[in-house]
C-alpha atoms as a PDB file:
ATOM      1  CA  UNK A   1       0.910  -9.570   3.496  1.00  0.00           C
ATOM      2  CA  UNK A   2      -2.247 -11.356   5.636  1.00  0.00           C
ATOM      3  CA  UNK A   3      -1.753  -9.484   8.177  1.00  0.00           C
ATOM      4  CA  UNK A   4      -5.005  -8.426   9.950  1.00  0.00           C
ATOM      5  CA  UNK A   5      -3.932  -5.414  12.117  1.00  0.00           C
ATOM      6  CA  UNK A   6      -1.796  -2.356  10.987  1.00  0.00           C
ATOM      7  CA  UNK A   7       0.080  -0.093  13.556  1.00  0.00           C
ATOM      8  CA  UNK A   8      -0.204   3.799  13.248  1.00  0.00           C
ATOM      9  CA  UNK A   9       3.547   3.785  12.075  1.00  0.00           C
ATOM     10  CA  UNK A  10       2.587   1.410   8.962  1.00  0.00           C
ATOM     11  CA  UNK A  11      -0.662   2.947   8.328  1.00  0.00           C
ATOM     12  CA  UNK A  12       0.684   6.313   8.168  1.00  0.00           C
ATOM     13  CA  UNK A  13       3.893   4.710   5.768  1.00  0.00           C
ATOM     14  CA  UNK A  14       1.435   3.145   3.368  1.00  0.00           C
ATOM     15  CA  UNK A  15      -0.949   6.424   2.876  1.00  0.00           C
ATOM     16  CA  UNK A  16       2.355   8.693   2.523  1.00  0.00           C
ATOM     17  CA  UNK A  17       3.556   5.913  -0.140  1.00  0.00           C
ATOM     18  CA  UNK A  18       0.517   6.105  -2.279  1.00  0.00           C
ATOM     19  CA  UNK A  19      -0.043   9.825  -1.516  1.00  0.00           C
ATOM     20  CA  UNK A  20       3.522  10.365  -3.350  1.00  0.00           C
ATOM     21  CA  UNK A  21       2.505   7.827  -5.927  1.00  0.00           C
ATOM     22  CA  UNK A  22      -0.509   9.718  -6.840  1.00  0.00           C
ATOM     23  CA  UNK A  23       1.363  12.962  -7.000  1.00  0.00           C
ATOM     24  CA  UNK A  24       4.197  11.937  -8.973  1.00  0.00           C
ATOM     25  CA  UNK A  25       1.119  10.004 -11.506  1.00  0.00           C
ATOM     26  CA  UNK A  26      -0.438  13.693 -11.733  1.00  0.00           C
ATOM     27  CA  UNK A  27      -3.894  12.502 -10.179  1.00  0.00           C
ATOM     28  CA  UNK A  28      -3.425  14.882  -7.142  1.00  0.00           C
ATOM     29  CA  UNK A  29      -1.166  18.406  -5.956  1.00  0.00           C
ATOM     30  CA  UNK A  30      -2.456  18.800  -2.660  1.00  0.00           C
ATOM     31  CA  UNK A  31      -0.271  18.002   0.278  1.00  0.00           C
ATOM     32  CA  UNK A  32      -2.037  15.968   2.461  1.00  0.00           C
ATOM     33  CA  UNK A  33      -1.662  14.499   5.660  1.00  0.00           C
ATOM     34  CA  UNK A  34      -1.462  10.617   6.662  1.00  0.00           C
ATOM     35  CA  UNK A  35      -3.541  11.367   9.851  1.00  0.00           C
ATOM     36  CA  UNK A  36      -6.376  12.859   8.076  1.00  0.00           C
ATOM     37  CA  UNK A  37      -6.890  10.176   5.344  1.00  0.00           C
ATOM     38  CA  UNK A  38      -6.646   7.583   8.158  1.00  0.00           C
ATOM     39  CA  UNK A  39      -9.595   9.493  10.203  1.00  0.00           C
ATOM     40  CA  UNK A  40     -11.522   9.651   7.023  1.00  0.00           C
ATOM     41  CA  UNK A  41     -11.558   5.782   6.307  1.00  0.00           C
ATOM     42  CA  UNK A  42     -12.592   5.265   9.934  1.00  0.00           C
ATOM     43  CA  UNK A  43     -15.277   7.854   9.633  1.00  0.00           C
ATOM     44  CA  UNK A  44     -16.445   6.369   7.063  1.00  0.00           C
ATOM     45  CA  UNK A  45     -16.543   2.798   8.420  1.00  0.00           C
ATOM     46  CA  UNK A  46     -13.914   1.268   6.068  1.00  0.00           C
ATOM     47  CA  UNK A  47     -10.895   1.419   8.680  1.00  0.00           C
ATOM     48  CA  UNK A  48     -11.640   0.614  12.430  1.00  0.00           C
ATOM     49  CA  UNK A  49      -9.087   2.256  15.359  1.00  0.00           C
ATOM     50  CA  UNK A  50      -7.944   1.337  18.699  1.00  0.00           C
ATOM     51  CA  UNK A  51      -6.198   2.829  20.735  1.00  0.00           C
ATOM     52  CA  UNK A  52      -5.285   0.251  23.270  1.00  0.00           C
ATOM     53  CA  UNK A  53      -2.336  -0.747  24.151  1.00  0.00           C
ATOM     54  CA  UNK A  54      -1.211   1.326  21.248  1.00  0.00           C
ATOM     55  CA  UNK A  55      -3.106   2.864  18.162  1.00  0.00           C
ATOM     56  CA  UNK A  56      -4.023   0.404  15.269  1.00  0.00           C
ATOM     57  CA  UNK A  57      -6.052  -0.039  12.171  1.00  0.00           C
ATOM     58  CA  UNK A  58      -7.928  -2.950  10.802  1.00  0.00           C
ATOM     59  CA  UNK A  59     -10.861  -3.016   8.393  1.00  0.00           C
ATOM     60  CA  UNK A  60     -13.852  -2.945  10.035  1.00  0.00           C
ATOM     61  CA  UNK A  61     -15.256  -5.971   7.995  1.00  0.00           C
ATOM     62  CA  UNK A  62     -13.197  -8.629   6.682  1.00  0.00           C
ATOM     63  CA  UNK A  63     -14.502  -8.572   3.697  1.00  0.00           C
ATOM     64  CA  UNK A  64     -13.399  -5.090   2.667  1.00  0.00           C
ATOM     65  CA  UNK A  65      -9.868  -6.578   3.313  1.00  0.00           C
ATOM     66  CA  UNK A  66     -10.490  -9.729   1.179  1.00  0.00           C
ATOM     67  CA  UNK A  67     -11.612  -7.363  -1.446  1.00  0.00           C
ATOM     68  CA  UNK A  68      -8.963  -4.926  -1.430  1.00  0.00           C
ATOM     69  CA  UNK A  69      -6.525  -8.238  -1.205  1.00  0.00           C
ATOM     70  CA  UNK A  70      -8.161  -9.788  -4.271  1.00  0.00           C
ATOM     71  CA  UNK A  71      -7.511  -6.576  -6.323  1.00  0.00           C
ATOM     72  CA  UNK A  72      -3.882  -6.902  -5.177  1.00  0.00           C
ATOM     73  CA  UNK A  73      -3.615 -10.539  -6.055  1.00  0.00           C
ATOM     74  CA  UNK A  74      -5.660  -9.946  -9.639  1.00  0.00           C
ATOM     75  CA  UNK A  75      -2.528  -7.136 -10.476  1.00  0.00           C
ATOM     76  CA  UNK A  76      -0.146  -9.859  -9.625  1.00  0.00           C
ATOM     77  CA  UNK A  77      -1.668 -12.617 -11.555  1.00  0.00           C
ATOM     78  CA  UNK A  78      -2.092 -10.764 -14.404  1.00  0.00           C
ATOM     79  CA  UNK A  79       1.597  -9.646 -14.244  1.00  0.00           C
ATOM     80  CA  UNK A  80       2.997 -13.176 -13.445  1.00  0.00           C
ATOM     81  CA  UNK A  81       1.125 -14.556 -16.261  1.00  0.00           C
ATOM     82  CA  UNK A  82       2.638 -11.984 -18.789  1.00  0.00           C
ATOM     83  CA  UNK A  83       6.008 -11.720 -17.535  1.00  0.00           C
ATOM     84  CA  UNK A  84       6.702 -14.473 -15.013  1.00  0.00           C
ATOM     85  CA  UNK A  85       9.004 -17.704 -14.735  1.00  0.00           C
ATOM     86  CA  UNK A  86       8.092 -20.850 -13.945  1.00  0.00           C
ATOM     87  CA  UNK A  87       9.985 -20.325 -10.278  1.00  0.00           C
ATOM     88  CA  UNK A  88       7.751 -17.155 -10.015  1.00  0.00           C
ATOM     89  CA  UNK A  89       4.865 -18.919 -10.649  1.00  0.00           C
ATOM     90  CA  UNK A  90       5.520 -21.708  -8.145  1.00  0.00           C
ATOM     91  CA  UNK A  91       6.201 -19.157  -5.899  1.00  0.00           C
ATOM     92  CA  UNK A  92       2.550 -17.964  -5.922  1.00  0.00           C
ATOM     93  CA  UNK A  93       1.143 -21.145  -5.561  1.00  0.00           C
ATOM     94  CA  UNK A  94       2.990 -21.906  -2.360  1.00  0.00           C
ATOM     95  CA  UNK A  95       2.711 -18.441  -0.950  1.00  0.00           C
ATOM     96  CA  UNK A  96      -1.181 -18.075  -1.783  1.00  0.00           C
ATOM     97  CA  UNK A  97      -3.408 -21.118  -3.125  1.00  0.00           C
ATOM     98  CA  UNK A  98      -1.943 -23.049  -0.337  1.00  0.00           C
ATOM     99  CA  UNK A  99      -2.570 -20.956   2.313  1.00  0.00           C
ATOM    100  CA  UNK A 100      -6.610 -20.767   3.448  1.00  0.00           C
ATOM    101  CA  UNK A 101      -6.326 -17.563   4.821  1.00  0.00           C
ATOM    102  CA  UNK A 102      -6.327 -16.363   0.855  1.00  0.00           C
ATOM    103  CA  UNK A 103      -9.218 -18.710  -0.220  1.00  0.00           C
ATOM    104  CA  UNK A 104     -11.737 -15.789  -0.397  1.00  0.00           C
ATOM    105  CA  UNK A 105      -9.846 -13.606  -2.070  1.00  0.00           C
ATOM    106  CA  UNK A 106      -8.908 -15.618  -4.769  1.00  0.00           C
ATOM    107  CA  UNK A 107     -12.314 -16.777  -5.198  1.00  0.00           C
ATOM    108  CA  UNK A 108     -13.087 -13.576  -5.813  1.00  0.00           C
ATOM    109  CA  UNK A 109     -10.246 -13.008  -8.348  1.00  0.00           C
ATOM    110  CA  UNK A 110     -11.777 -16.106 -10.250  1.00  0.00           C
ATOM    111  CA  UNK A 111     -15.558 -14.872 -10.108  1.00  0.00           C
ATOM    112  CA  UNK A 112     -14.421 -11.319 -11.354  1.00  0.00           C
ATOM    113  CA  UNK A 113     -12.536 -12.821 -14.454  1.00  0.00           C
ATOM    114  CA  UNK A 114     -13.816 -12.052 -18.099  1.00  0.00           C
ATOM    115  CA  UNK A 115     -13.480 -14.271 -21.522  1.00  0.00           C
ATOM    116  CA  UNK A 116     -10.913 -11.958 -22.964  1.00  0.00           C
ATOM    117  CA  UNK A 117      -7.810 -13.774 -23.590  1.00  0.00           C
ATOM    118  CA  UNK A 118      -5.570 -12.346 -20.917  1.00  0.00           C
ATOM    119  CA  UNK A 119      -8.264 -13.111 -18.408  1.00  0.00           C
ATOM    120  CA  UNK A 120      -8.745 -16.608 -19.442  1.00  0.00           C
ATOM    121  CA  UNK A 121      -4.826 -16.910 -18.775  1.00  0.00           C
ATOM    122  CA  UNK A 122      -4.877 -15.820 -15.661  1.00  0.00           C
ATOM    123  CA  UNK A 123      -7.892 -18.015 -15.023  1.00  0.00           C
ATOM    124  CA  UNK A 124      -6.335 -21.222 -16.272  1.00  0.00           C
ATOM    125  CA  UNK A 125      -3.079 -20.379 -14.132  1.00  0.00           C
ATOM    126  CA  UNK A 126      -4.945 -19.594 -11.239  1.00  0.00           C
ATOM    127  CA  UNK A 127      -6.813 -23.090 -11.843  1.00  0.00           C
ATOM    128  CA  UNK A 128      -3.473 -25.377 -12.557  1.00  0.00           C
ATOM    129  CA  UNK A 129      -2.056 -23.723  -9.337  1.00  0.00           C
ATOM    130  CA  UNK A 130      -4.807 -25.254  -7.054  1.00  0.00           C
ATOM    131  CA  UNK A 131      -4.902 -28.357  -8.667  1.00  0.00           C
ATOM    132  CA  UNK A 132      -1.623 -29.490  -7.311  1.00  0.00           C
ATOM    133  CA  UNK A 133      -2.624 -28.329  -3.875  1.00  0.00           C
ATOM    134  CA  UNK A 134      -6.694 -29.157  -3.668  1.00  0.00           C
ATOM    135  CA  UNK A 135      -8.081 -30.395  -6.194  1.00  0.00           C
ATOM    136  CA  UNK A 136     -11.590 -29.412  -4.561  1.00  0.00           C
ATOM    137  CA  UNK A 137     -10.323 -26.061  -4.628  1.00  0.00           C
ATOM    138  CA  UNK A 138      -9.436 -26.430  -8.048  1.00  0.00           C
ATOM    139  CA  UNK A 139     -13.121 -27.164  -9.521  1.00  0.00           C
ATOM    140  CA  UNK A 140     -14.535 -24.783  -7.186  1.00  0.00           C
ATOM    141  CA  UNK A 141     -11.960 -21.748  -8.661  1.00  0.00           C
ATOM    142  CA  UNK A 142     -12.763 -23.571 -12.400  1.00  0.00           C
ATOM    143  CA  UNK A 143     -16.891 -23.151 -11.728  1.00  0.00           C
ATOM    144  CA  UNK A 144     -16.101 -19.485 -10.747  1.00  0.00           C
ATOM    145  CA  UNK A 145     -13.737 -19.099 -13.515  1.00  0.00           C
ATOM    146  CA  UNK A 146     -16.617 -19.998 -16.282  1.00  0.00           C
ATOM    147  CA  UNK A 147     -16.636 -21.802 -19.190  1.00  0.00           C
ATOM    148  CA  UNK A 148     -14.051 -19.867 -21.453  1.00  0.00           C
ATOM    149  CA  UNK A 149     -11.715 -21.164 -18.701  1.00  0.00           C
ATOM    150  CA  UNK A 150     -12.893 -24.242 -18.333  1.00  0.00           C
ATOM    151  CA  UNK A 151     -12.618 -25.262 -22.059  1.00  0.00           C
ATOM    152  CA  UNK A 152      -8.849 -24.380 -21.786  1.00  0.00           C
ATOM    153  CA  UNK A 153      -8.358 -26.469 -18.702  1.00  0.00           C
ATOM    154  CA  UNK A 154     -10.923 -29.229 -18.643  1.00  0.00           C
ATOM    155  CA  UNK A 155      -8.463 -32.008 -20.485  1.00  0.00           C
ATOM    156  CA  UNK A 156      -5.913 -31.203 -17.516  1.00  0.00           C
ATOM    157  CA  UNK A 157      -8.538 -31.549 -14.654  1.00  0.00           C
ATOM    158  CA  UNK A 158     -10.836 -33.836 -15.383  1.00  0.00           C
ATOM    159  CA  UNK A 159      -8.350 -36.860 -16.146  1.00  0.00           C
ATOM    160  CA  UNK A 160      -6.668 -35.801 -12.752  1.00  0.00           C
ATOM    161  CA  UNK A 161     -10.143 -35.509 -10.997  1.00  0.00           C
ATOM    162  CA  UNK A 162     -11.181 -39.000 -12.656  1.00  0.00           C
ATOM    163  CA  UNK A 163      -7.837 -40.637 -11.376  1.00  0.00           C
ATOM    164  CA  UNK A 164      -8.883 -39.490  -7.780  1.00  0.00           C
ATOM    165  CA  UNK A 165     -11.894 -41.082  -7.901  1.00  0.00           C
ATOM    166  CA  UNK A 166     -10.746 -44.511  -9.315  1.00  0.00           C
ATOM    167  CA  UNK A 167      -8.128 -44.511  -6.823  1.00  0.00           C
ATOM    168  CA  UNK A 168      -7.726 -47.478  -4.598  1.00  0.00           C
ATOM    169  CA  UNK A 169      -7.561 -44.941  -1.721  1.00  0.00           C
ATOM    170  CA  UNK A 170     -11.126 -43.798   0.074  1.00  0.00           C
ATOM    171  CA  UNK A 171      -9.856 -40.440   0.955  1.00  0.00           C
ATOM    172  CA  UNK A 172      -8.725 -39.896  -2.930  1.00  0.00           C
ATOM    173  CA  UNK A 173     -11.914 -41.242  -3.966  1.00  0.00           C
ATOM    174  CA  UNK A 174     -13.899 -39.025  -1.835  1.00  0.00           C
ATOM    175  CA  UNK A 175     -11.819 -36.117  -2.813  1.00  0.00           C
ATOM    176  CA  UNK A 176     -12.028 -36.999  -6.814  1.00  0.00           C
ATOM    177  CA  UNK A 177     -15.610 -36.694  -6.372  1.00  0.00           C
ATOM    178  CA  UNK A 178     -15.948 -33.634  -4.482  1.00  0.00           C
ATOM    179  CA  UNK A 179     -13.721 -31.771  -7.091  1.00  0.00           C
ATOM    180  CA  UNK A 180     -16.100 -33.139 -10.122  1.00  0.00           C
ATOM    181  CA  UNK A 181     -19.128 -31.613  -8.099  1.00  0.00           C
ATOM    182  CA  UNK A 182     -17.511 -28.481  -7.218  1.00  0.00           C
ATOM    183  CA  UNK A 183     -16.505 -27.804 -11.096  1.00  0.00           C
ATOM    184  CA  UNK A 184     -20.262 -27.535 -12.112  1.00  0.00           C
ATOM    185  CA  UNK A 185     -19.718 -29.115 -15.121  1.00  0.00           C
ATOM    186  CA  UNK A 186     -21.396 -32.089 -17.438  1.00  0.00           C
ATOM    187  CA  UNK A 187     -18.504 -33.632 -18.277  1.00  0.00           C
ATOM    188  CA  UNK A 188     -18.721 -35.681 -15.270  1.00  0.00           C
ATOM    189  CA  UNK A 189     -22.355 -36.365 -15.790  1.00  0.00           C
ATOM    190  CA  UNK A 190     -21.906 -40.082 -16.269  1.00  0.00           C
ATOM    191  CA  UNK A 191     -20.384 -40.396 -12.956  1.00  0.00           C
ATOM    192  CA  UNK A 192     -22.663 -38.353 -10.817  1.00  0.00           C
ATOM    193  CA  UNK A 193     -26.057 -38.539 -12.096  1.00  0.00           C
ATOM    194  CA  UNK A 194     -25.952 -42.232 -10.928  1.00  0.00           C
ATOM    195  CA  UNK A 195     -24.368 -41.518  -7.442  1.00  0.00           C
ATOM    196  CA  UNK A 196     -27.225 -38.363  -7.266  1.00  0.00           C
ATOM    197  CA  UNK A 197     -30.432 -40.573  -8.319  1.00  0.00           C
ATOM    198  CA  UNK A 198     -29.053 -43.963  -6.367  1.00  0.00           C
ATOM    199  CA  UNK A 199     -31.863 -44.941  -3.797  1.00  0.00           C
ATOM    200  CA  UNK A 200     -28.886 -45.048  -0.890  1.00  0.00           C
ATOM    201  CA  UNK A 201     -28.196 -40.885  -0.660  1.00  0.00           C
ATOM    202  CA  UNK A 202     -25.161 -42.234   1.539  1.00  0.00           C
ATOM    203  CA  UNK A 203     -23.566 -44.051  -1.362  1.00  0.00           C
ATOM    204  CA  UNK A 204     -21.054 -42.279  -2.764  1.00  0.00           C
ATOM    205  CA  UNK A 205     -19.676 -44.703  -4.775  1.00  0.00           C
END
């Protein structure tokens, strides 16, 4: 949900849901108390408890939350790429890719992809979703996804970044240039190398 804090009631409800799911899957047999689980997570510095003004829980470090969010996004992406329709895919981009708070979890997803066909499909979808929202972020995700994904989407991403770079609008040109750099791809070397070797290091064009 993108929330930072959970109430005690919500946290216990989540624990109960997971306990029931694990028991139904044959992973555990004991009857566990949600309060004991929350206490254990707090004792091991995963969660941080606050008693004022009411009992609430939050991750002790933001990166814990981002990591677990990335795991959830990875599952959702895999299902979306396999069985999702165009409306559901568009909704994913609007809900996650267009929200800055989800940027780091999405980067974690991208950097954890392998070269299997299913992971390449996930990475390609992720980059395409970002390309319509933020070309620079799309370039960064493409670099994190790796060469297998770049080979899949280079013919879509490259022309769009080049079109931005040749725009008459200076902001678009800067965006296209930043997107090319973000990809880390040698595909744009004929543009980037002259710029980087230009005597005037403040020159962008």
